[in-house]
Amino acid sequence: MPRLDIAVRGLFATPVAAVVVPDSAERNRELTEIILRRRAATPSIQASNAGGWHSDRDIANWGGTRVNEVLDLGRQVANQLTADRGGRRISPKWSLQAWANVNGPGDGNISHYHPGSFWSGTYYVEDGGCGADPNLGGEFEMLDPRGPGPGMYAPALQFAAEGVAAAGAGETIRPKPGLLFVFPSWLLHQVRPYRGNGLRISIAFNLGLPRPGVE
């Protein structure tokens, strides 16, 4: 039987964008000082963090120029990925929430999403060594929005098409200083426990549309 010429479309794809920010070493050194100074002065809030330190969501106000450089890059990535329903690129006047996370040995973040936002993102300041050593954990894990169905029904099978091999499972991003990535805010995600002896430091942010009557 001749091989069929099958047209395969990757329907309902979930866009996740990543960029390694150049010349980040000096920026990250300054960001580490800023974030750890704030950690020493203010207690953690409780959000998705399982241990570790989660700052307030006003880092744009107290983090200074270096933090706002990161947030501006996040907006730039989001703008390049955003269009209206007619497919025309637009640059919304985003509302912003942003904060810092510091995870030490044993710390992680439970699975969650970010209601009220369109894009969310993370920038890694320090990886605590887990970028080079998979044994240290600390991966950012995104869970398949279609749920576990494909893995539950036929765990020995996967789809033979680009970008869908992990159906029913999760995808991970390994931290790396200077890595910025942006993903849809509704995408369920978590941070696996960090098993190193250093600090895993990141800046996270949400971008949404302002509510009517709210600047």
C-alpha atoms as a PDB file:
ATOM      1  CA  MET A   1       0.000   0.000   0.000  1.00  0.00           C
ATOM      2  CA  PRO A   2       1.482   3.424  -0.908  1.00  0.00           C
ATOM      3  CA  ARG A   3       2.327   5.799   1.924  1.00  0.00           C
ATOM      4  CA  LEU A   4      -0.496   8.291   2.383  1.00  0.00           C
ATOM      5  CA  ASP A   5       0.165  12.000   2.207  1.00  0.00           C
ATOM      6  CA  ILE A   6      -1.523  13.002   5.461  1.00  0.00           C
ATOM      7  CA  ALA A   7      -2.066  16.656   6.380  1.00  0.00           C
ATOM      8  CA  VAL A   8      -1.620  17.135  10.133  1.00  0.00           C
ATOM      9  CA  ARG A   9      -2.529  20.371  11.892  1.00  0.00           C
ATOM     10  CA  GLY A  10      -1.461  21.112  15.444  1.00  0.00           C
ATOM     11  CA  LEU A  11      -4.858  22.320  16.641  1.00  0.00           C
ATOM     12  CA  PHE A  12      -5.288  24.097  19.985  1.00  0.00           C
ATOM     13  CA  ALA A  13      -1.581  24.640  20.491  1.00  0.00           C
ATOM     14  CA  THR A  14      -0.468  26.495  23.638  1.00  0.00           C
ATOM     15  CA  PRO A  15       2.108  29.216  22.966  1.00  0.00           C
ATOM     16  CA  VAL A  16       5.078  29.297  25.333  1.00  0.00           C
ATOM     17  CA  ALA A  17       7.868  31.690  24.356  1.00  0.00           C
ATOM     18  CA  ALA A  18      11.414  31.746  25.697  1.00  0.00           C
ATOM     19  CA  VAL A  19      14.347  34.090  25.166  1.00  0.00           C
ATOM     20  CA  VAL A  20      17.797  34.142  26.736  1.00  0.00           C
ATOM     21  CA  VAL A  21      18.477  37.774  27.591  1.00  0.00           C
ATOM     22  CA  PRO A  22      22.010  38.747  26.528  1.00  0.00           C
ATOM     23  CA  ASP A  23      24.503  40.431  28.864  1.00  0.00           C
ATOM     24  CA  SER A  24      22.534  39.382  31.950  1.00  0.00           C
ATOM     25  CA  ALA A  25      25.383  38.647  34.383  1.00  0.00           C
ATOM     26  CA  GLU A  26      25.727  42.165  35.793  1.00  0.00           C
ATOM     27  CA  ARG A  27      21.968  42.672  35.827  1.00  0.00           C
ATOM     28  CA  ASN A  28      21.480  39.422  37.725  1.00  0.00           C
ATOM     29  CA  ARG A  29      24.148  40.311  40.258  1.00  0.00           C
ATOM     30  CA  GLU A  30      22.348  43.578  41.021  1.00  0.00           C
ATOM     31  CA  LEU A  31      18.942  41.890  41.067  1.00  0.00           C
ATOM     32  CA  THR A  32      20.194  39.294  43.547  1.00  0.00           C
ATOM     33  CA  GLU A  33      21.312  42.055  45.918  1.00  0.00           C
ATOM     34  CA  ILE A  34      18.017  43.927  45.568  1.00  0.00           C
ATOM     35  CA  ILE A  35      15.837  40.865  46.115  1.00  0.00           C
ATOM     36  CA  LEU A  36      17.815  39.412  49.028  1.00  0.00           C
ATOM     37  CA  ARG A  37      17.876  42.821  50.731  1.00  0.00           C
ATOM     38  CA  ARG A  38      14.100  42.958  50.442  1.00  0.00           C
ATOM     39  CA  ARG A  39      13.781  39.399  51.717  1.00  0.00           C
ATOM     40  CA  ALA A  40      15.795  40.303  54.801  1.00  0.00           C
ATOM     41  CA  ALA A  41      13.495  43.241  55.536  1.00  0.00           C
ATOM     42  CA  THR A  42      10.014  41.858  54.788  1.00  0.00           C
ATOM     43  CA  PRO A  43       8.242  38.571  55.521  1.00  0.00           C
ATOM     44  CA  SER A  44       7.030  36.245  52.804  1.00  0.00           C
ATOM     45  CA  ILE A  45       3.434  36.313  51.677  1.00  0.00           C
ATOM     46  CA  GLN A  46       1.702  32.975  51.166  1.00  0.00           C
ATOM     47  CA  ALA A  47       0.642  32.260  47.600  1.00  0.00           C
ATOM     48  CA  SER A  48       1.602  29.138  45.618  1.00  0.00           C
ATOM     49  CA  ASN A  49       4.915  28.869  47.448  1.00  0.00           C
ATOM     50  CA  ALA A  50       5.585  25.699  49.445  1.00  0.00           C
ATOM     51  CA  GLY A  51       8.333  27.141  51.601  1.00  0.00           C
ATOM     52  CA  GLY A  52      10.675  29.767  50.281  1.00  0.00           C
ATOM     53  CA  TRP A  53      10.071  33.514  50.125  1.00  0.00           C
ATOM     54  CA  HIS A  54       7.425  35.206  47.964  1.00  0.00           C
ATOM     55  CA  SER A  55       7.594  38.998  47.898  1.00  0.00           C
ATOM     56  CA  ASP A  56       4.653  41.354  47.709  1.00  0.00           C
ATOM     57  CA  ARG A  57       3.403  42.064  44.205  1.00  0.00           C
ATOM     58  CA  ASP A  58       4.836  45.583  44.024  1.00  0.00           C
ATOM     59  CA  ILE A  59       8.382  44.770  42.917  1.00  0.00           C
ATOM     60  CA  ALA A  60       7.933  47.216  40.033  1.00  0.00           C
ATOM     61  CA  ASN A  61       7.803  49.985  42.659  1.00  0.00           C
ATOM     62  CA  TRP A  62      10.716  48.933  44.882  1.00  0.00           C
ATOM     63  CA  GLY A  63      12.947  46.938  42.521  1.00  0.00           C
ATOM     64  CA  GLY A  64      14.440  49.859  40.630  1.00  0.00           C
ATOM     65  CA  THR A  65      15.720  50.121  37.085  1.00  0.00           C
ATOM     66  CA  ARG A  66      17.002  46.553  36.775  1.00  0.00           C
ATOM     67  CA  VAL A  67      13.642  45.020  37.664  1.00  0.00           C
ATOM     68  CA  ASN A  68      11.818  47.301  35.256  1.00  0.00           C
ATOM     69  CA  GLU A  69      14.222  46.318  32.481  1.00  0.00           C
ATOM     70  CA  VAL A  70      13.060  42.727  32.947  1.00  0.00           C
ATOM     71  CA  LEU A  71       9.390  43.718  33.049  1.00  0.00           C
ATOM     72  CA  ASP A  72       9.764  45.816  29.899  1.00  0.00           C
ATOM     73  CA  LEU A  73      11.234  42.780  28.143  1.00  0.00           C
ATOM     74  CA  GLY A  74       8.271  40.726  29.323  1.00  0.00           C
ATOM     75  CA  ARG A  75       5.860  43.268  27.855  1.00  0.00           C
ATOM     76  CA  GLN A  76       7.817  43.261  24.598  1.00  0.00           C
ATOM     77  CA  VAL A  77       7.542  39.478  24.283  1.00  0.00           C
ATOM     78  CA  ALA A  78       3.834  39.581  25.153  1.00  0.00           C
ATOM     79  CA  ASN A  79       3.181  42.279  22.543  1.00  0.00           C
ATOM     80  CA  GLN A  80       4.858  40.196  19.851  1.00  0.00           C
ATOM     81  CA  LEU A  81       2.570  37.287  20.738  1.00  0.00           C
ATOM     82  CA  THR A  82      -0.721  39.202  20.978  1.00  0.00           C
ATOM     83  CA  ALA A  83      -3.270  39.953  18.266  1.00  0.00           C
ATOM     84  CA  ASP A  84      -6.910  40.951  18.069  1.00  0.00           C
ATOM     85  CA  ARG A  85      -9.561  38.501  16.897  1.00  0.00           C
ATOM     86  CA  GLY A  86      -8.896  39.568  13.336  1.00  0.00           C
ATOM     87  CA  GLY A  87      -5.280  38.487  13.614  1.00  0.00           C
ATOM     88  CA  ARG A  88      -3.900  42.042  13.704  1.00  0.00           C
ATOM     89  CA  ARG A  89      -0.976  42.628  16.074  1.00  0.00           C
ATOM     90  CA  ILE A  90      -1.814  44.972  18.942  1.00  0.00           C
ATOM     91  CA  SER A  91       0.036  46.367  21.958  1.00  0.00           C
ATOM     92  CA  PRO A  92      -2.454  46.569  24.827  1.00  0.00           C
ATOM     93  CA  LYS A  93      -1.971  48.871  27.782  1.00  0.00           C
ATOM     94  CA  TRP A  94      -1.245  45.978  30.113  1.00  0.00           C
ATOM     95  CA  SER A  95      -2.055  45.960  33.788  1.00  0.00           C
ATOM     96  CA  LEU A  96       0.866  44.504  35.742  1.00  0.00           C
ATOM     97  CA  GLN A  97       1.529  42.462  38.833  1.00  0.00           C
ATOM     98  CA  ALA A  98       5.065  41.340  39.549  1.00  0.00           C
ATOM     99  CA  TRP A  99       6.951  39.753  42.428  1.00  0.00           C
ATOM    100  CA  ALA A 100      10.135  37.910  43.381  1.00  0.00           C
ATOM    101  CA  ASN A 101      10.553  34.298  44.466  1.00  0.00           C
ATOM    102  CA  VAL A 102      13.461  32.876  46.435  1.00  0.00           C
ATOM    103  CA  ASN A 103      13.540  29.090  46.874  1.00  0.00           C
ATOM    104  CA  GLY A 104      16.097  27.371  49.047  1.00  0.00           C
ATOM    105  CA  PRO A 105      16.617  23.672  49.809  1.00  0.00           C
ATOM    106  CA  GLY A 106      13.318  21.781  49.704  1.00  0.00           C
ATOM    107  CA  ASP A 107      11.227  24.719  48.481  1.00  0.00           C
ATOM    108  CA  GLY A 108       8.848  24.629  45.514  1.00  0.00           C
ATOM    109  CA  ASN A 109       5.504  25.943  44.295  1.00  0.00           C
ATOM    110  CA  ILE A 110       2.256  23.971  44.171  1.00  0.00           C
ATOM    111  CA  SER A 111       0.262  23.749  40.934  1.00  0.00           C
ATOM    112  CA  HIS A 112      -1.683  26.915  40.162  1.00  0.00           C
ATOM    113  CA  TYR A 113      -2.693  29.374  37.472  1.00  0.00           C
ATOM    114  CA  HIS A 114      -3.149  33.160  37.422  1.00  0.00           C
ATOM    115  CA  PRO A 115      -6.785  34.299  37.195  1.00  0.00           C
ATOM    116  CA  GLY A 116      -7.509  37.727  35.761  1.00  0.00           C
ATOM    117  CA  SER A 117      -4.424  37.833  33.532  1.00  0.00           C
ATOM    118  CA  PHE A 118      -3.730  36.979  29.886  1.00  0.00           C
ATOM    119  CA  TRP A 119       0.049  36.399  29.894  1.00  0.00           C
ATOM    120  CA  SER A 120       2.317  35.359  32.745  1.00  0.00           C
ATOM    121  CA  GLY A 121       6.073  35.070  32.759  1.00  0.00           C
ATOM    122  CA  THR A 122       9.215  34.266  34.700  1.00  0.00           C
ATOM    123  CA  TYR A 123      12.763  35.609  34.551  1.00  0.00           C
ATOM    124  CA  TYR A 124      15.546  33.639  36.255  1.00  0.00           C
ATOM    125  CA  VAL A 125      18.065  35.595  38.270  1.00  0.00           C
ATOM    126  CA  GLU A 126      19.837  32.606  39.865  1.00  0.00           C
ATOM    127  CA  ASP A 127      19.283  28.880  39.366  1.00  0.00           C
ATOM    128  CA  GLY A 128      21.109  27.529  42.412  1.00  0.00           C
ATOM    129  CA  GLY A 129      22.939  25.063  40.180  1.00  0.00           C
ATOM    130  CA  CYS A 130      19.841  23.181  39.047  1.00  0.00           C
ATOM    131  CA  GLY A 131      20.225  24.399  35.473  1.00  0.00           C
ATOM    132  CA  ALA A 132      23.337  22.242  35.072  1.00  0.00           C
ATOM    133  CA  ASP A 133      22.418  19.378  37.407  1.00  0.00           C
ATOM    134  CA  PRO A 134      19.019  17.685  36.843  1.00  0.00           C
ATOM    135  CA  ASN A 135      19.399  15.921  40.199  1.00  0.00           C
ATOM    136  CA  LEU A 136      18.768  19.236  41.961  1.00  0.00           C
ATOM    137  CA  GLY A 137      15.165  19.524  40.748  1.00  0.00           C
ATOM    138  CA  GLY A 138      13.688  23.022  40.688  1.00  0.00           C
ATOM    139  CA  GLU A 139      12.171  22.680  37.207  1.00  0.00           C
ATOM    140  CA  PHE A 140       9.236  24.809  36.114  1.00  0.00           C
ATOM    141  CA  GLU A 141       6.582  22.310  35.044  1.00  0.00           C
ATOM    142  CA  MET A 142       3.564  23.029  32.823  1.00  0.00           C
ATOM    143  CA  LEU A 143       0.683  20.558  32.918  1.00  0.00           C
ATOM    144  CA  ASP A 144      -1.187  19.516  29.787  1.00  0.00           C
ATOM    145  CA  PRO A 145      -4.388  21.624  29.632  1.00  0.00           C
ATOM    146  CA  ARG A 146      -6.164  18.670  28.008  1.00  0.00           C
ATOM    147  CA  GLY A 147      -5.720  16.732  31.209  1.00  0.00           C
ATOM    148  CA  PRO A 148      -4.290  13.245  31.672  1.00  0.00           C
ATOM    149  CA  GLY A 149      -6.657  11.580  29.180  1.00  0.00           C
ATOM    150  CA  PRO A 150      -4.175  10.345  26.549  1.00  0.00           C
ATOM    151  CA  GLY A 151      -1.903   8.898  29.205  1.00  0.00           C
ATOM    152  CA  MET A 152      -4.772   7.336  31.140  1.00  0.00           C
ATOM    153  CA  TYR A 153      -6.358   5.598  28.149  1.00  0.00           C
ATOM    154  CA  ALA A 154      -3.204   4.273  26.495  1.00  0.00           C
ATOM    155  CA  PRO A 155      -0.064   5.054  28.499  1.00  0.00           C
ATOM    156  CA  ALA A 156       2.160   3.118  26.065  1.00  0.00           C
ATOM    157  CA  LEU A 157       1.219   5.359  23.125  1.00  0.00           C
ATOM    158  CA  GLN A 158       1.942   8.912  22.061  1.00  0.00           C
ATOM    159  CA  PHE A 159       0.980  11.047  19.074  1.00  0.00           C
ATOM    160  CA  ALA A 160       3.435  10.912  16.161  1.00  0.00           C
ATOM    161  CA  ALA A 161       3.248  14.608  15.377  1.00  0.00           C
ATOM    162  CA  GLU A 162       5.412  17.587  16.146  1.00  0.00           C
ATOM    163  CA  GLY A 163       4.725  19.311  19.455  1.00  0.00           C
ATOM    164  CA  VAL A 164       2.200  16.825  20.838  1.00  0.00           C
ATOM    165  CA  ALA A 165       4.361  13.949  22.076  1.00  0.00           C
ATOM    166  CA  ALA A 166       3.774  14.877  25.729  1.00  0.00           C
ATOM    167  CA  ALA A 167      -0.021  14.571  25.516  1.00  0.00           C
ATOM    168  CA  GLY A 168      -1.415  13.803  28.946  1.00  0.00           C
ATOM    169  CA  ALA A 169       1.877  14.538  30.702  1.00  0.00           C
ATOM    170  CA  GLY A 170       3.827  17.678  31.552  1.00  0.00           C
ATOM    171  CA  GLU A 171       6.569  19.758  30.004  1.00  0.00           C
ATOM    172  CA  THR A 172       9.409  21.272  32.010  1.00  0.00           C
ATOM    173  CA  ILE A 173      11.675  24.258  31.679  1.00  0.00           C
ATOM    174  CA  ARG A 174      15.001  24.082  33.467  1.00  0.00           C
ATOM    175  CA  PRO A 175      16.041  27.375  35.083  1.00  0.00           C
ATOM    176  CA  LYS A 176      18.988  29.267  33.653  1.00  0.00           C
ATOM    177  CA  PRO A 177      20.143  32.744  34.692  1.00  0.00           C
ATOM    178  CA  GLY A 178      18.979  35.244  32.081  1.00  0.00           C
ATOM    179  CA  LEU A 179      16.176  33.029  30.743  1.00  0.00           C
ATOM    180  CA  LEU A 180      12.835  34.805  30.274  1.00  0.00           C
ATOM    181  CA  PHE A 181       9.728  32.920  29.232  1.00  0.00           C
ATOM    182  CA  VAL A 182       6.081  33.871  28.778  1.00  0.00           C
ATOM    183  CA  PHE A 183       3.024  31.599  28.812  1.00  0.00           C
ATOM    184  CA  PRO A 184      -0.783  31.887  28.940  1.00  0.00           C
ATOM    185  CA  SER A 185      -1.950  32.680  32.470  1.00  0.00           C
ATOM    186  CA  TRP A 186      -4.541  29.886  32.409  1.00  0.00           C
ATOM    187  CA  LEU A 187      -1.871  27.216  31.919  1.00  0.00           C
ATOM    188  CA  LEU A 188      -1.640  25.124  35.088  1.00  0.00           C
ATOM    189  CA  HIS A 189       1.954  25.057  36.322  1.00  0.00           C
ATOM    190  CA  GLN A 190       4.160  24.332  39.314  1.00  0.00           C
ATOM    191  CA  VAL A 191       7.769  24.403  40.462  1.00  0.00           C
ATOM    192  CA  ARG A 192       9.292  21.112  41.505  1.00  0.00           C
ATOM    193  CA  PRO A 193      11.119  21.147  44.856  1.00  0.00           C
ATOM    194  CA  TYR A 194      14.659  22.464  44.686  1.00  0.00           C
ATOM    195  CA  ARG A 195      17.156  20.025  46.193  1.00  0.00           C
ATOM    196  CA  GLY A 196      20.331  22.083  46.011  1.00  0.00           C
ATOM    197  CA  ASN A 197      22.110  24.020  48.729  1.00  0.00           C
ATOM    198  CA  GLY A 198      22.004  27.448  47.082  1.00  0.00           C
ATOM    199  CA  LEU A 199      19.184  29.804  46.144  1.00  0.00           C
ATOM    200  CA  ARG A 200      16.862  29.686  43.147  1.00  0.00           C
ATOM    201  CA  ILE A 201      15.778  33.291  42.497  1.00  0.00           C
ATOM    202  CA  SER A 202      13.212  34.450  39.966  1.00  0.00           C
ATOM    203  CA  ILE A 203      11.003  37.391  39.052  1.00  0.00           C
ATOM    204  CA  ALA A 204       7.448  36.527  38.002  1.00  0.00           C
ATOM    205  CA  PHE A 205       4.795  38.732  36.447  1.00  0.00           C
ATOM    206  CA  ASN A 206       1.217  38.813  35.198  1.00  0.00           C
ATOM    207  CA  LEU A 207      -0.051  40.930  32.314  1.00  0.00           C
ATOM    208  CA  GLY A 208      -3.772  41.565  31.981  1.00  0.00           C
ATOM    209  CA  LEU A 209      -6.236  44.062  30.603  1.00  0.00           C
ATOM    210  CA  PRO A 210      -7.217  46.911  32.965  1.00  0.00           C
ATOM    211  CA  ARG A 211     -10.720  46.613  34.347  1.00  0.00           C
ATOM    212  CA  PRO A 212     -13.159  49.313  33.192  1.00  0.00           C
ATOM    213  CA  GLY A 213     -12.754  52.406  35.311  1.00  0.00           C
ATOM    214  CA  VAL A 214      -9.446  51.227  36.791  1.00  0.00           C
ATOM    215  CA  GLU A 215      -6.169  52.799  35.605  1.00  0.00           C
END
